[in-house]
């Protein structure tokens, strides 16, 4: 019985350490929102060379996933030209930030 209790305790400790290690590995967040269908959204980190772009889907939604945490400029591109830019968008580990983009209005909101 003592040996069984020791094994259960060892498995519990390993399980806790494994979940802590997985949590510590999270280093990214997401930018998502609405924009004109078919356009492109470009996100560029303001302090390093990290940049990504995605195409807006047919329903006017986009999502840039797994961006390293930091501050980004998020730009709506139409026909290869910048139309709307949101500067200094904070990307936080494990969170998403909503940035809706259109040519007539601008603004960001965190979700």
PDB file of N, CA and C in Angstrom:
ATOM      1  N   UNK A   1       0.835  -1.192   0.000  1.00  0.00           N
ATOM      2  CA  UNK A   1       0.000   0.000   0.000  1.00  0.00           C
ATOM      3  C   UNK A   1       0.876   1.251   0.000  1.00  0.00           C
ATOM      4  N   UNK A   2       1.969   1.215   0.758  1.00  0.00           N
ATOM      5  CA  UNK A   2       2.865   2.360   0.829  1.00  0.00           C
ATOM      6  C   UNK A   2       3.483   2.631  -0.544  1.00  0.00           C
ATOM      7  N   UNK A   3       3.832   1.540  -1.263  1.00  0.00           N
ATOM      8  CA  UNK A   3       4.428   1.683  -2.585  1.00  0.00           C
ATOM      9  C   UNK A   3       3.416   2.308  -3.559  1.00  0.00           C
ATOM     10  N   UNK A   4       2.152   1.910  -3.466  1.00  0.00           N
ATOM     11  CA  UNK A   4       1.110   2.447  -4.324  1.00  0.00           C
ATOM     12  C   UNK A   4       0.922   3.937  -4.073  1.00  0.00           C
ATOM     13  N   UNK A   5       0.917   4.358  -2.817  1.00  0.00           N
ATOM     14  CA  UNK A   5       0.779   5.778  -2.476  1.00  0.00           C
ATOM     15  C   UNK A   5       1.953   6.587  -3.022  1.00  0.00           C
ATOM     16  N   UNK A   6       3.156   6.025  -2.966  1.00  0.00           N
ATOM     17  CA  UNK A   6       4.336   6.707  -3.495  1.00  0.00           C
ATOM     18  C   UNK A   6       4.225   6.894  -5.007  1.00  0.00           C
ATOM     19  N   UNK A   7       3.720   5.862  -5.678  1.00  0.00           N
ATOM     20  CA  UNK A   7       3.561   5.958  -7.139  1.00  0.00           C
ATOM     21  C   UNK A   7       2.514   7.008  -7.512  1.00  0.00           C
ATOM     22  N   UNK A   8       1.409   7.035  -6.794  1.00  0.00           N
ATOM     23  CA  UNK A   8       0.359   8.021  -7.053  1.00  0.00           C
ATOM     24  C   UNK A   8       0.905   9.426  -6.831  1.00  0.00           C
ATOM     25  N   UNK A   9       1.655   9.621  -5.776  1.00  0.00           N
ATOM     26  CA  UNK A   9       2.249  10.930  -5.494  1.00  0.00           C
ATOM     27  C   UNK A   9       3.230  11.328  -6.594  1.00  0.00           C
ATOM     28  N   UNK A  10       4.025  10.389  -7.069  1.00  0.00           N
ATOM     29  CA  UNK A  10       4.991  10.680  -8.134  1.00  0.00           C
ATOM     30  C   UNK A  10       4.268  11.082  -9.421  1.00  0.00           C
ATOM     31  N   UNK A  11       3.197  10.386  -9.775  1.00  0.00           N
ATOM     32  CA  UNK A  11       2.436  10.739 -10.974  1.00  0.00           C
ATOM     33  C   UNK A  11       1.789  12.115 -10.827  1.00  0.00           C
ATOM     34  N   UNK A  12       1.298  12.437  -9.652  1.00  0.00           N
ATOM     35  CA  UNK A  12       0.674  13.742  -9.426  1.00  0.00           C
ATOM     36  C   UNK A  12       1.694  14.863  -9.596  1.00  0.00           C
ATOM     37  N   UNK A  13       2.893  14.681  -9.066  1.00  0.00           N
ATOM     38  CA  UNK A  13       3.949  15.693  -9.199  1.00  0.00           C
ATOM     39  C   UNK A  13       4.334  15.864 -10.657  1.00  0.00           C
ATOM     40  N   UNK A  14       4.486  14.768 -11.379  1.00  0.00           N
ATOM     41  CA  UNK A  14       4.834  14.842 -12.806  1.00  0.00           C
ATOM     42  C   UNK A  14       3.751  15.566 -13.588  1.00  0.00           C
ATOM     43  N   UNK A  15       2.507  15.297 -13.262  1.00  0.00           N
ATOM     44  CA  UNK A  15       1.401  15.966 -13.947  1.00  0.00           C
ATOM     45  C   UNK A  15       1.414  17.462 -13.704  1.00  0.00           C
ATOM     46  N   UNK A  16       1.675  17.875 -12.471  1.00  0.00           N
ATOM     47  CA  UNK A  16       1.747  19.297 -12.152  1.00  0.00           C
ATOM     48  C   UNK A  16       2.911  19.961 -12.867  1.00  0.00           C
ATOM     49  N   UNK A  17       4.063  19.327 -12.875  1.00  0.00           N
ATOM     50  CA  UNK A  17       5.224  19.892 -13.558  1.00  0.00           C
ATOM     51  C   UNK A  17       4.983  19.997 -15.052  1.00  0.00           C
ATOM     52  N   UNK A  18       4.325  19.024 -15.628  1.00  0.00           N
ATOM     53  CA  UNK A  18       4.025  19.064 -17.058  1.00  0.00           C
ATOM     54  C   UNK A  18       3.107  20.218 -17.408  1.00  0.00           C
ATOM     55  N   UNK A  19       2.096  20.488 -16.576  1.00  0.00           N
ATOM     56  CA  UNK A  19       1.179  21.585 -16.882  1.00  0.00           C
ATOM     57  C   UNK A  19       1.854  22.936 -16.701  1.00  0.00           C
ATOM     58  N   UNK A  20       2.761  23.068 -15.736  1.00  0.00           N
ATOM     59  CA  UNK A  20       3.514  24.305 -15.552  1.00  0.00           C
ATOM     60  C   UNK A  20       4.414  24.548 -16.751  1.00  0.00           C
ATOM     61  N   UNK A  21       5.072  23.506 -17.244  1.00  0.00           N
ATOM     62  CA  UNK A  21       5.952  23.645 -18.403  1.00  0.00           C
ATOM     63  C   UNK A  21       5.152  24.067 -19.632  1.00  0.00           C
ATOM     64  N   UNK A  22       3.984  23.505 -19.839  1.00  0.00           N
ATOM     65  CA  UNK A  22       3.165  23.869 -20.997  1.00  0.00           C
ATOM     66  C   UNK A  22       2.709  25.315 -20.894  1.00  0.00           C
ATOM     67  N   UNK A  23       2.338  25.763 -19.708  1.00  0.00           N
ATOM     68  CA  UNK A  23       1.912  27.141 -19.519  1.00  0.00           C
ATOM     69  C   UNK A  23       3.056  28.107 -19.782  1.00  0.00           C
ATOM     70  N   UNK A  24       4.249  27.761 -19.340  1.00  0.00           N
ATOM     71  CA  UNK A  24       5.402  28.628 -19.509  1.00  0.00           C
ATOM     72  C   UNK A  24       5.797  28.772 -20.972  1.00  0.00           C
ATOM     73  N   UNK A  25       5.401  27.827 -21.825  1.00  0.00           N
ATOM     74  CA  UNK A  25       5.766  27.883 -23.232  1.00  0.00           C
ATOM     75  C   UNK A  25       4.894  28.840 -24.033  1.00  0.00           C
ATOM     76  N   UNK A  26       3.758  29.263 -23.522  1.00  0.00           N
ATOM     77  CA  UNK A  26       2.888  30.180 -24.247  1.00  0.00           C
ATOM     78  C   UNK A  26       3.571  31.533 -24.362  1.00  0.00           C
ATOM     79  N   UNK A  27       3.830  31.972 -25.598  1.00  0.00           N
ATOM     80  CA  UNK A  27       4.530  33.241 -25.802  1.00  0.00           C
ATOM     81  C   UNK A  27       3.871  34.088 -26.881  1.00  0.00           C
ATOM     82  N   UNK A  28       2.644  33.752 -27.246  1.00  0.00           N
ATOM     83  CA  UNK A  28       2.026  34.429 -28.379  1.00  0.00           C
ATOM     84  C   UNK A  28       0.586  34.824 -28.089  1.00  0.00           C
ATOM     85  N   UNK A  29       0.081  35.723 -28.916  1.00  0.00           N
ATOM     86  CA  UNK A  29      -1.310  36.154 -28.864  1.00  0.00           C
ATOM     87  C   UNK A  29      -1.835  36.296 -30.280  1.00  0.00           C
ATOM     88  N   UNK A  30      -3.072  36.761 -30.406  1.00  0.00           N
ATOM     89  CA  UNK A  30      -3.734  36.852 -31.706  1.00  0.00           C
ATOM     90  C   UNK A  30      -4.266  38.262 -31.959  1.00  0.00           C
ATOM     91  N   UNK A  31      -4.347  38.613 -33.240  1.00  0.00           N
ATOM     92  CA  UNK A  31      -5.047  39.817 -33.689  1.00  0.00           C
ATOM     93  C   UNK A  31      -6.142  39.332 -34.635  1.00  0.00           C
ATOM     94  N   UNK A  32      -7.367  39.812 -34.436  1.00  0.00           N
ATOM     95  CA  UNK A  32      -8.483  39.370 -35.265  1.00  0.00           C
ATOM     96  C   UNK A  32      -9.475  40.509 -35.413  1.00  0.00           C
ATOM     97  N   UNK A  33     -10.390  40.358 -36.367  1.00  0.00           N
ATOM     98  CA  UNK A  33     -11.418  41.370 -36.515  1.00  0.00           C
ATOM     99  C   UNK A  33     -12.123  41.282 -37.837  1.00  0.00           C
ATOM    100  N   UNK A  34     -12.741  42.404 -38.213  1.00  0.00           N
ATOM    101  CA  UNK A  34     -13.482  42.492 -39.465  1.00  0.00           C
ATOM    102  C   UNK A  34     -12.812  43.509 -40.376  1.00  0.00           C
ATOM    103  N   UNK A  35     -12.905  43.228 -41.673  1.00  0.00           N
ATOM    104  CA  UNK A  35     -12.333  44.098 -42.695  1.00  0.00           C
ATOM    105  C   UNK A  35     -13.024  43.765 -44.009  1.00  0.00           C
ATOM    106  N   UNK A  36     -12.843  44.595 -45.020  1.00  0.00           N
ATOM    107  CA  UNK A  36     -13.482  44.293 -46.306  1.00  0.00           C
ATOM    108  C   UNK A  36     -13.008  42.949 -46.873  1.00  0.00           C
ATOM    109  N   UNK A  37     -13.970  42.127 -47.303  1.00  0.00           N
ATOM    110  CA  UNK A  37     -13.664  40.802 -47.855  1.00  0.00           C
ATOM    111  C   UNK A  37     -12.690  40.917 -49.020  1.00  0.00           C
ATOM    112  N   UNK A  38     -11.722  40.013 -49.037  1.00  0.00           N
ATOM    113  CA  UNK A  38     -10.755  39.956 -50.123  1.00  0.00           C
ATOM    114  C   UNK A  38      -9.538  40.830 -49.943  1.00  0.00           C
ATOM    115  N   UNK A  39      -9.577  41.785 -49.013  1.00  0.00           N
ATOM    116  CA  UNK A  39      -8.409  42.627 -48.748  1.00  0.00           C
ATOM    117  C   UNK A  39      -7.389  41.858 -47.915  1.00  0.00           C
ATOM    118  N   UNK A  40      -6.278  42.477 -47.632  1.00  0.00           N
ATOM    119  CA  UNK A  40      -5.206  41.864 -46.855  1.00  0.00           C
ATOM    120  C   UNK A  40      -4.963  42.688 -45.596  1.00  0.00           C
ATOM    121  N   UNK A  41      -4.703  42.005 -44.486  1.00  0.00           N
ATOM    122  CA  UNK A  41      -4.334  42.667 -43.230  1.00  0.00           C
ATOM    123  C   UNK A  41      -2.885  42.297 -42.930  1.00  0.00           C
ATOM    124  N   UNK A  42      -2.098  43.307 -42.615  1.00  0.00           N
ATOM    125  CA  UNK A  42      -0.659  43.170 -42.394  1.00  0.00           C
ATOM    126  C   UNK A  42      -0.346  43.622 -40.977  1.00  0.00           C
ATOM    127  N   UNK A  43       0.344  42.791 -40.208  1.00  0.00           N
ATOM    128  CA  UNK A  43       0.753  43.147 -38.848  1.00  0.00           C
ATOM    129  C   UNK A  43       2.272  43.148 -38.777  1.00  0.00           C
ATOM    130  N   UNK A  44       2.850  44.255 -38.294  1.00  0.00           N
ATOM    131  CA  UNK A  44       4.306  44.379 -38.183  1.00  0.00           C
ATOM    132  C   UNK A  44       4.676  44.817 -36.778  1.00  0.00           C
ATOM    133  N   UNK A  45       5.570  44.055 -36.146  1.00  0.00           N
ATOM    134  CA  UNK A  45       6.046  44.383 -34.809  1.00  0.00           C
ATOM    135  C   UNK A  45       6.845  45.681 -34.870  1.00  0.00           C
ATOM    136  N   UNK A  46       6.599  46.587 -33.931  1.00  0.00           N
ATOM    137  CA  UNK A  46       7.267  47.890 -33.954  1.00  0.00           C
ATOM    138  C   UNK A  46       8.705  47.852 -33.455  1.00  0.00           C
ATOM    139  N   UNK A  47       9.115  46.742 -32.817  1.00  0.00           N
ATOM    140  CA  UNK A  47      10.473  46.707 -32.259  1.00  0.00           C
ATOM    141  C   UNK A  47      11.388  45.661 -32.878  1.00  0.00           C
ATOM    142  N   UNK A  48      10.858  44.791 -33.736  1.00  0.00           N
ATOM    143  CA  UNK A  48      11.719  43.802 -34.408  1.00  0.00           C
ATOM    144  C   UNK A  48      11.150  43.497 -35.792  1.00  0.00           C
ATOM    145  N   UNK A  49      11.675  42.545 -36.445  1.00  0.00           N
ATOM    146  CA  UNK A  49      11.295  42.271 -37.841  1.00  0.00           C
ATOM    147  C   UNK A  49      10.086  41.347 -37.994  1.00  0.00           C
ATOM    148  N   UNK A  50       9.421  40.982 -36.921  1.00  0.00           N
ATOM    149  CA  UNK A  50       8.280  40.081 -37.016  1.00  0.00           C
ATOM    150  C   UNK A  50       7.151  40.746 -37.792  1.00  0.00           C
ATOM    151  N   UNK A  51       6.688  40.062 -38.825  1.00  0.00           N
ATOM    152  CA  UNK A  51       5.558  40.579 -39.590  1.00  0.00           C
ATOM    153  C   UNK A  51       4.776  39.424 -40.198  1.00  0.00           C
ATOM    154  N   UNK A  52       3.463  39.626 -40.363  1.00  0.00           N
ATOM    155  CA  UNK A  52       2.594  38.613 -40.943  1.00  0.00           C
ATOM    156  C   UNK A  52       1.497  39.297 -41.706  1.00  0.00           C
ATOM    157  N   UNK A  53       0.979  38.600 -42.693  1.00  0.00           N
ATOM    158  CA  UNK A  53      -0.193  39.097 -43.398  1.00  0.00           C
ATOM    159  C   UNK A  53      -1.153  37.955 -43.668  1.00  0.00           C
ATOM    160  N   UNK A  54      -2.444  38.288 -43.686  1.00  0.00           N
ATOM    161  CA  UNK A  54      -3.485  37.308 -43.986  1.00  0.00           C
ATOM    162  C   UNK A  54      -4.517  37.956 -44.888  1.00  0.00           C
ATOM    163  N   UNK A  55      -5.199  37.127 -45.632  1.00  0.00           N
ATOM    164  CA  UNK A  55      -6.286  37.598 -46.494  1.00  0.00           C
ATOM    165  C   UNK A  55      -7.587  37.552 -45.695  1.00  0.00           C
ATOM    166  N   UNK A  56      -8.423  38.559 -45.887  1.00  0.00           N
ATOM    167  CA  UNK A  56      -9.727  38.612 -45.235  1.00  0.00           C
ATOM    168  C   UNK A  56     -10.661  37.643 -45.953  1.00  0.00           C
ATOM    169  N   UNK A  57     -11.407  36.833 -45.195  1.00  0.00           N
ATOM    170  CA  UNK A  57     -12.269  35.825 -45.818  1.00  0.00           C
ATOM    171  C   UNK A  57     -13.523  36.447 -46.436  1.00  0.00           C
ATOM    172  N   UNK A  58     -14.330  35.597 -47.059  1.00  0.00           N
ATOM    173  CA  UNK A  58     -15.537  36.051 -47.768  1.00  0.00           C
ATOM    174  C   UNK A  58     -16.585  36.677 -46.843  1.00  0.00           C
ATOM    175  N   UNK A  59     -16.502  36.389 -45.551  1.00  0.00           N
ATOM    176  CA  UNK A  59     -17.454  36.943 -44.589  1.00  0.00           C
ATOM    177  C   UNK A  59     -16.915  38.215 -43.929  1.00  0.00           C
ATOM    178  N   UNK A  60     -15.746  38.679 -44.386  1.00  0.00           N
ATOM    179  CA  UNK A  60     -15.176  39.904 -43.838  1.00  0.00           C
ATOM    180  C   UNK A  60     -14.466  39.722 -42.511  1.00  0.00           C
ATOM    181  N   UNK A  61     -13.945  38.520 -42.269  1.00  0.00           N
ATOM    182  CA  UNK A  61     -13.228  38.235 -41.016  1.00  0.00           C
ATOM    183  C   UNK A  61     -11.782  37.875 -41.315  1.00  0.00           C
ATOM    184  N   UNK A  62     -10.917  38.188 -40.368  1.00  0.00           N
ATOM    185  CA  UNK A  62      -9.520  37.777 -40.472  1.00  0.00           C
ATOM    186  C   UNK A  62      -9.011  37.416 -39.077  1.00  0.00           C
ATOM    187  N   UNK A  63      -7.947  36.643 -39.048  1.00  0.00           N
ATOM    188  CA  UNK A  63      -7.307  36.283 -37.791  1.00  0.00           C
ATOM    189  C   UNK A  63      -5.834  36.014 -38.050  1.00  0.00           C
ATOM    190  N   UNK A  64      -4.992  36.721 -37.318  1.00  0.00           N
ATOM    191  CA  UNK A  64      -3.545  36.478 -37.370  1.00  0.00           C
ATOM    192  C   UNK A  64      -3.198  35.833 -36.038  1.00  0.00           C
ATOM    193  N   UNK A  65      -2.920  34.547 -36.083  1.00  0.00           N
ATOM    194  CA  UNK A  65      -2.700  33.768 -34.859  1.00  0.00           C
ATOM    195  C   UNK A  65      -1.222  33.617 -34.542  1.00  0.00           C
ATOM    196  N   UNK A  66      -0.960  33.357 -33.291  1.00  0.00           N
ATOM    197  CA  UNK A  66       0.374  33.031 -32.787  1.00  0.00           C
ATOM    198  C   UNK A  66       1.419  34.103 -33.095  1.00  0.00           C
ATOM    199  N   UNK A  67       1.037  35.361 -32.907  1.00  0.00           N
ATOM    200  CA  UNK A  67       2.018  36.443 -33.022  1.00  0.00           C
ATOM    201  C   UNK A  67       2.803  36.521 -31.720  1.00  0.00           C
ATOM    202  N   UNK A  68       4.119  36.625 -31.793  1.00  0.00           N
ATOM    203  CA  UNK A  68       4.897  36.815 -30.564  1.00  0.00           C
ATOM    204  C   UNK A  68       4.413  38.081 -29.843  1.00  0.00           C
ATOM    205  N   UNK A  69       4.370  38.029 -28.522  1.00  0.00           N
ATOM    206  CA  UNK A  69       3.916  39.177 -27.740  1.00  0.00           C
ATOM    207  C   UNK A  69       4.742  40.409 -28.090  1.00  0.00           C
ATOM    208  N   UNK A  70       4.078  41.554 -28.104  1.00  0.00           N
ATOM    209  CA  UNK A  70       4.742  42.814 -28.423  1.00  0.00           C
ATOM    210  C   UNK A  70       3.734  43.836 -28.905  1.00  0.00           C
ATOM    211  N   UNK A  71       4.243  44.903 -29.498  1.00  0.00           N
ATOM    212  CA  UNK A  71       3.406  45.978 -30.018  1.00  0.00           C
ATOM    213  C   UNK A  71       3.495  45.953 -31.537  1.00  0.00           C
ATOM    214  N   UNK A  72       2.338  46.017 -32.191  1.00  0.00           N
ATOM    215  CA  UNK A  72       2.259  45.882 -33.645  1.00  0.00           C
ATOM    216  C   UNK A  72       1.525  47.064 -34.275  1.00  0.00           C
ATOM    217  N   UNK A  73       1.908  47.365 -35.509  1.00  0.00           N
ATOM    218  CA  UNK A  73       1.112  48.230 -36.366  1.00  0.00           C
ATOM    219  C   UNK A  73       0.311  47.291 -37.262  1.00  0.00           C
ATOM    220  N   UNK A  74      -1.011  47.465 -37.286  1.00  0.00           N
ATOM    221  CA  UNK A  74      -1.896  46.607 -38.071  1.00  0.00           C
ATOM    222  C   UNK A  74      -2.482  47.465 -39.188  1.00  0.00           C
ATOM    223  N   UNK A  75      -2.271  47.019 -40.431  1.00  0.00           N
ATOM    224  CA  UNK A  75      -2.635  47.824 -41.592  1.00  0.00           C
ATOM    225  C   UNK A  75      -3.543  47.052 -42.540  1.00  0.00           C
ATOM    226  N   UNK A  76      -4.596  47.717 -43.004  1.00  0.00           N
ATOM    227  CA  UNK A  76      -5.468  47.179 -44.038  1.00  0.00           C
ATOM    228  C   UNK A  76      -4.869  47.575 -45.383  1.00  0.00           C
ATOM    229  N   UNK A  77      -4.676  46.568 -46.246  1.00  0.00           N
ATOM    230  CA  UNK A  77      -4.110  46.795 -47.563  1.00  0.00           C
ATOM    231  C   UNK A  77      -5.169  46.498 -48.618  1.00  0.00           C
ATOM    232  N   UNK A  78      -5.380  47.423 -49.547  1.00  0.00           N
ATOM    233  CA  UNK A  78      -6.271  47.213 -50.691  1.00  0.00           C
ATOM    234  C   UNK A  78      -5.448  47.374 -51.955  1.00  0.00           C
ATOM    235  N   UNK A  79      -5.427  46.349 -52.783  1.00  0.00           N
ATOM    236  CA  UNK A  79      -4.651  46.364 -54.026  1.00  0.00           C
ATOM    237  C   UNK A  79      -3.188  46.718 -53.776  1.00  0.00           C
ATOM    238  N   UNK A  80      -2.642  46.204 -52.677  1.00  0.00           N
ATOM    239  CA  UNK A  80      -1.228  46.416 -52.365  1.00  0.00           C
ATOM    240  C   UNK A  80      -0.891  47.759 -51.750  1.00  0.00           C
ATOM    241  N   UNK A  81      -1.890  48.588 -51.475  1.00  0.00           N
ATOM    242  CA  UNK A  81      -1.644  49.914 -50.903  1.00  0.00           C
ATOM    243  C   UNK A  81      -2.298  50.023 -49.530  1.00  0.00           C
ATOM    244  N   UNK A  82      -1.603  50.649 -48.562  1.00  0.00           N
ATOM    245  CA  UNK A  82      -2.186  50.811 -47.222  1.00  0.00           C
ATOM    246  C   UNK A  82      -3.379  51.765 -47.251  1.00  0.00           C
ATOM    247  N   UNK A  83      -4.452  51.350 -46.563  1.00  0.00           N
ATOM    248  CA  UNK A  83      -5.679  52.154 -46.528  1.00  0.00           C
ATOM    249  C   UNK A  83      -5.941  52.670 -45.113  1.00  0.00           C
ATOM    250  N   UNK A  84      -5.861  51.780 -44.136  1.00  0.00           N
ATOM    251  CA  UNK A  84      -6.094  52.131 -42.736  1.00  0.00           C
ATOM    252  C   UNK A  84      -5.000  51.497 -41.901  1.00  0.00           C
ATOM    253  N   UNK A  85      -4.467  52.257 -40.935  1.00  0.00           N
ATOM    254  CA  UNK A  85      -3.421  51.726 -40.065  1.00  0.00           C
ATOM    255  C   UNK A  85      -3.792  51.992 -38.611  1.00  0.00           C
ATOM    256  N   UNK A  86      -3.668  50.939 -37.801  1.00  0.00           N
ATOM    257  CA  UNK A  86      -3.822  51.069 -36.353  1.00  0.00           C
ATOM    258  C   UNK A  86      -2.434  50.895 -35.753  1.00  0.00           C
ATOM    259  N   UNK A  87      -1.917  51.938 -35.175  1.00  0.00           N
ATOM    260  CA  UNK A  87      -0.570  51.902 -34.599  1.00  0.00           C
ATOM    261  C   UNK A  87      -0.619  51.430 -33.150  1.00  0.00           C
ATOM    262  N   UNK A  88       0.465  50.803 -32.726  1.00  0.00           N
ATOM    263  CA  UNK A  88       0.679  50.433 -31.317  1.00  0.00           C
ATOM    264  C   UNK A  88      -0.396  49.515 -30.742  1.00  0.00           C
ATOM    265  N   UNK A  89      -0.713  48.457 -31.475  1.00  0.00           N
ATOM    266  CA  UNK A  89      -1.677  47.460 -31.013  1.00  0.00           C
ATOM    267  C   UNK A  89      -0.937  46.463 -30.118  1.00  0.00           C
ATOM    268  N   UNK A  90      -1.332  46.342 -28.851  1.00  0.00           N
ATOM    269  CA  UNK A  90      -0.628  45.431 -27.937  1.00  0.00           C
ATOM    270  C   UNK A  90      -1.071  43.978 -28.117  1.00  0.00           C
ATOM    271  N   UNK A  91      -0.129  43.099 -28.366  1.00  0.00           N
ATOM    272  CA  UNK A  91      -0.401  41.666 -28.442  1.00  0.00           C
ATOM    273  C   UNK A  91       0.134  41.056 -27.153  1.00  0.00           C
ATOM    274  N   UNK A  92      -0.766  40.431 -26.399  1.00  0.00           N
ATOM    275  CA  UNK A  92      -0.454  39.899 -25.074  1.00  0.00           C
ATOM    276  C   UNK A  92      -0.501  38.376 -25.120  1.00  0.00           C
ATOM    277  N   UNK A  93       0.394  37.738 -24.392  1.00  0.00           N
ATOM    278  CA  UNK A  93       0.477  36.277 -24.347  1.00  0.00           C
ATOM    279  C   UNK A  93      -0.866  35.671 -23.963  1.00  0.00           C
ATOM    280  N   UNK A  94      -1.312  34.709 -24.785  1.00  0.00           N
ATOM    281  CA  UNK A  94      -2.519  33.959 -24.486  1.00  0.00           C
ATOM    282  C   UNK A  94      -3.823  34.710 -24.679  1.00  0.00           C
ATOM    283  N   UNK A  95      -3.782  35.906 -25.285  1.00  0.00           N
ATOM    284  CA  UNK A  95      -5.003  36.702 -25.461  1.00  0.00           C
ATOM    285  C   UNK A  95      -5.144  37.122 -26.911  1.00  0.00           C
ATOM    286  N   UNK A  96      -6.316  37.553 -27.252  1.00  0.00           N
ATOM    287  CA  UNK A  96      -6.574  38.097 -28.575  1.00  0.00           C
ATOM    288  C   UNK A  96      -6.997  39.544 -28.455  1.00  0.00           C
ATOM    289  N   UNK A  97      -6.686  40.319 -29.463  1.00  0.00           N
ATOM    290  CA  UNK A  97      -7.146  41.704 -29.491  1.00  0.00           C
ATOM    291  C   UNK A  97      -7.886  41.932 -30.795  1.00  0.00           C
ATOM    292  N   UNK A  98      -9.060  42.525 -30.670  1.00  0.00           N
ATOM    293  CA  UNK A  98      -9.900  42.761 -31.837  1.00  0.00           C
ATOM    294  C   UNK A  98      -9.537  44.104 -32.452  1.00  0.00           C
ATOM    295  N   UNK A  99      -9.260  44.069 -33.758  1.00  0.00           N
ATOM    296  CA  UNK A  99      -8.961  45.283 -34.510  1.00  0.00           C
ATOM    297  C   UNK A  99      -9.806  45.230 -35.782  1.00  0.00           C
ATOM    298  N   UNK A 100     -10.902  45.975 -35.784  1.00  0.00           N
ATOM    299  CA  UNK A 100     -11.739  46.051 -36.981  1.00  0.00           C
ATOM    300  C   UNK A 100     -11.163  47.120 -37.894  1.00  0.00           C
ATOM    301  N   UNK A 101     -11.120  46.810 -39.184  1.00  0.00           N
ATOM    302  CA  UNK A 101     -10.504  47.706 -40.159  1.00  0.00           C
ATOM    303  C   UNK A 101     -11.477  47.995 -41.294  1.00  0.00           C
ATOM    304  N   UNK A 102     -11.685  49.268 -41.556  1.00  0.00           N
ATOM    305  CA  UNK A 102     -12.403  49.668 -42.766  1.00  0.00           C
ATOM    306  C   UNK A 102     -11.947  51.065 -43.134  1.00  0.00           C
ATOM    307  N   UNK A 103     -12.247  51.494 -44.323  1.00  0.00           N
ATOM    308  CA  UNK A 103     -11.726  52.766 -44.820  1.00  0.00           C
ATOM    309  C   UNK A 103     -12.398  53.984 -44.190  1.00  0.00           C
ATOM    310  N   UNK A 104     -13.565  53.812 -43.563  1.00  0.00           N
ATOM    311  CA  UNK A 104     -14.283  54.978 -43.055  1.00  0.00           C
ATOM    312  C   UNK A 104     -14.131  55.223 -41.561  1.00  0.00           C
ATOM    313  N   UNK A 105     -13.678  54.222 -40.792  1.00  0.00           N
ATOM    314  CA  UNK A 105     -13.563  54.405 -39.337  1.00  0.00           C
ATOM    315  C   UNK A 105     -12.389  53.600 -38.819  1.00  0.00           C
ATOM    316  N   UNK A 106     -11.874  54.000 -37.669  1.00  0.00           N
ATOM    317  CA  UNK A 106     -10.782  53.250 -37.065  1.00  0.00           C
ATOM    318  C   UNK A 106     -11.007  53.134 -35.577  1.00  0.00           C
ATOM    319  N   UNK A 107     -10.312  52.155 -34.956  1.00  0.00           N
ATOM    320  CA  UNK A 107     -10.408  51.951 -33.508  1.00  0.00           C
ATOM    321  C   UNK A 107     -10.050  50.540 -33.160  1.00  0.00           C
ATOM    322  N   UNK A 108      -9.627  50.319 -31.932  1.00  0.00           N
ATOM    323  CA  UNK A 108      -9.311  48.984 -31.480  1.00  0.00           C
ATOM    324  C   UNK A 108     -10.042  48.712 -30.187  1.00  0.00           C
ATOM    325  N   UNK A 109     -10.290  47.448 -29.943  1.00  0.00           N
ATOM    326  CA  UNK A 109     -10.883  47.033 -28.691  1.00  0.00           C
ATOM    327  C   UNK A 109     -10.329  45.692 -28.296  1.00  0.00           C
ATOM    328  N   UNK A 110     -10.037  45.530 -27.027  1.00  0.00           N
ATOM    329  CA  UNK A 110      -9.447  44.276 -26.576  1.00  0.00           C
ATOM    330  C   UNK A 110     -10.534  43.308 -26.179  1.00  0.00           C
ATOM    331  N   UNK A 111     -10.317  42.039 -26.523  1.00  0.00           N
ATOM    332  CA  UNK A 111     -11.270  41.012 -26.131  1.00  0.00           C
ATOM    333  C   UNK A 111     -10.607  40.054 -25.207  1.00  0.00           C
TER     334      UNK A 111
END
